[in-house]
Amino acid sequence: NGGPSCSIFCMSFILLNQLNNEYSIDIFQRVRALQRQRPAMITSFAQYEYLYEMIFKYLDQSFNLLPVKSSLSLNNSIYDNDQENP
């Protein structure tokens, strides 16, 4: 079943496009908007986790920035702009 892979691809494309055009995204709200039309898309925590990690890595690689420190912890790490990039 290619549904999960397709939904990750579509959502990744949407998020990156929005980030590049508007310099701001709300992953949770964008997923909810997609789910109104396609309820079976992005249904697991692992899929959300992948989307957040993908955006964090994109920001780090493209702009040499990291998101502001938050309570969201993925892979036992917290991103903090106060620390130097390795």
Protein backbone atom coordinates (compact mmCIF):
# COMPACT_ATOMS: atom_id res chain seq x y z
CA ASN A 1 0.00 0.00 0.00
CA GLY A 2 1.55 3.28 -1.11
CA GLY A 3 -0.85 5.52 0.80
CA PRO A 4 1.45 6.45 3.69
CA SER A 5 4.40 7.16 1.38
CA CYS A 6 2.23 9.23 -0.93
CA SER A 7 0.82 11.27 1.96
CA ILE A 8 4.31 11.98 3.32
CA PHE A 9 5.51 13.05 -0.14
CA CYS A 10 2.49 15.32 -0.72
CA MET A 11 2.70 16.92 2.71
CA SER A 12 6.46 17.41 2.42
CA PHE A 13 5.99 19.15 -0.93
CA ILE A 14 3.22 21.38 0.47
CA LEU A 15 5.22 22.32 3.58
CA LEU A 16 8.46 23.08 1.73
CA ASN A 17 6.60 25.12 -0.87
CA GLN A 18 4.84 27.15 1.82
CA LEU A 19 8.07 27.64 3.77
CA ASN A 20 9.91 28.87 0.68
CA ASN A 21 7.11 31.27 -0.29
CA GLU A 22 5.87 32.51 3.09
CA TYR A 23 8.86 31.83 5.39
CA SER A 24 6.44 30.39 7.94
CA ILE A 25 4.57 27.13 8.40
CA ASP A 26 2.26 25.45 10.88
CA ILE A 27 2.73 21.75 10.26
CA PHE A 28 -0.17 20.64 12.43
CA GLN A 29 -2.67 23.04 10.79
CA ARG A 30 -1.50 22.17 7.27
CA VAL A 31 -1.96 18.46 8.00
CA ARG A 32 -5.43 19.11 9.43
CA ALA A 33 -6.39 21.03 6.29
CA LEU A 34 -5.24 18.11 4.14
CA GLN A 35 -7.10 15.63 6.34
CA ARG A 36 -10.39 17.48 5.75
CA GLN A 37 -10.18 16.33 2.13
CA ARG A 38 -8.27 13.06 2.68
CA PRO A 39 -8.87 11.77 6.25
CA ALA A 40 -6.54 8.78 5.85
CA MET A 41 -3.47 10.95 5.18
CA ILE A 42 -0.85 11.46 7.94
CA THR A 43 -2.45 9.35 10.64
CA SER A 44 0.48 8.24 12.83
CA PHE A 45 2.82 9.98 15.23
CA ALA A 46 5.77 8.59 13.24
CA GLN A 47 4.53 10.43 10.13
CA TYR A 48 4.25 13.72 12.06
CA GLU A 49 7.69 13.11 13.54
CA TYR A 50 9.13 12.58 10.05
CA LEU A 51 7.60 15.86 8.81
CA TYR A 52 9.03 17.84 11.74
CA GLU A 53 12.47 16.27 11.34
CA MET A 54 12.41 16.94 7.60
CA ILE A 55 11.61 20.63 8.17
CA PHE A 56 14.27 20.94 10.91
CA LYS A 57 16.91 19.42 8.63
CA TYR A 58 15.84 21.59 5.70
CA LEU A 59 16.13 24.74 7.82
CA ASP A 60 19.51 23.70 9.14
CA GLN A 61 20.93 22.80 5.72
CA SER A 62 19.36 25.59 3.67
CA PHE A 63 19.55 28.55 6.01
CA ASN A 64 21.98 27.36 8.68
CA LEU A 65 19.20 28.01 11.19
CA LEU A 66 17.53 25.87 13.79
CA PRO A 67 14.03 26.31 15.18
CA VAL A 68 13.69 28.14 18.48
CA LYS A 69 13.92 25.93 21.56
CA SER A 70 10.58 24.34 22.36
CA SER A 71 9.09 21.54 24.37
CA LEU A 72 9.03 19.39 21.22
CA SER A 73 11.77 16.83 21.52
CA LEU A 74 12.46 14.49 18.63
CA ASN A 75 15.05 11.74 18.81
CA ASN A 76 15.95 12.85 22.35
CA SER A 77 17.29 16.19 21.17
CA ILE A 78 16.08 19.75 21.57
CA TYR A 79 16.94 22.45 19.09
CA ASP A 80 18.28 25.67 20.56
CA ASN A 81 19.42 28.77 18.69
CA ASP A 82 21.66 29.79 21.59
CA GLN A 83 24.19 27.08 20.82
CA GLU A 84 26.80 27.18 18.10
CA ASN A 85 26.22 24.93 15.08
CA PRO A 86 28.74 22.06 14.97
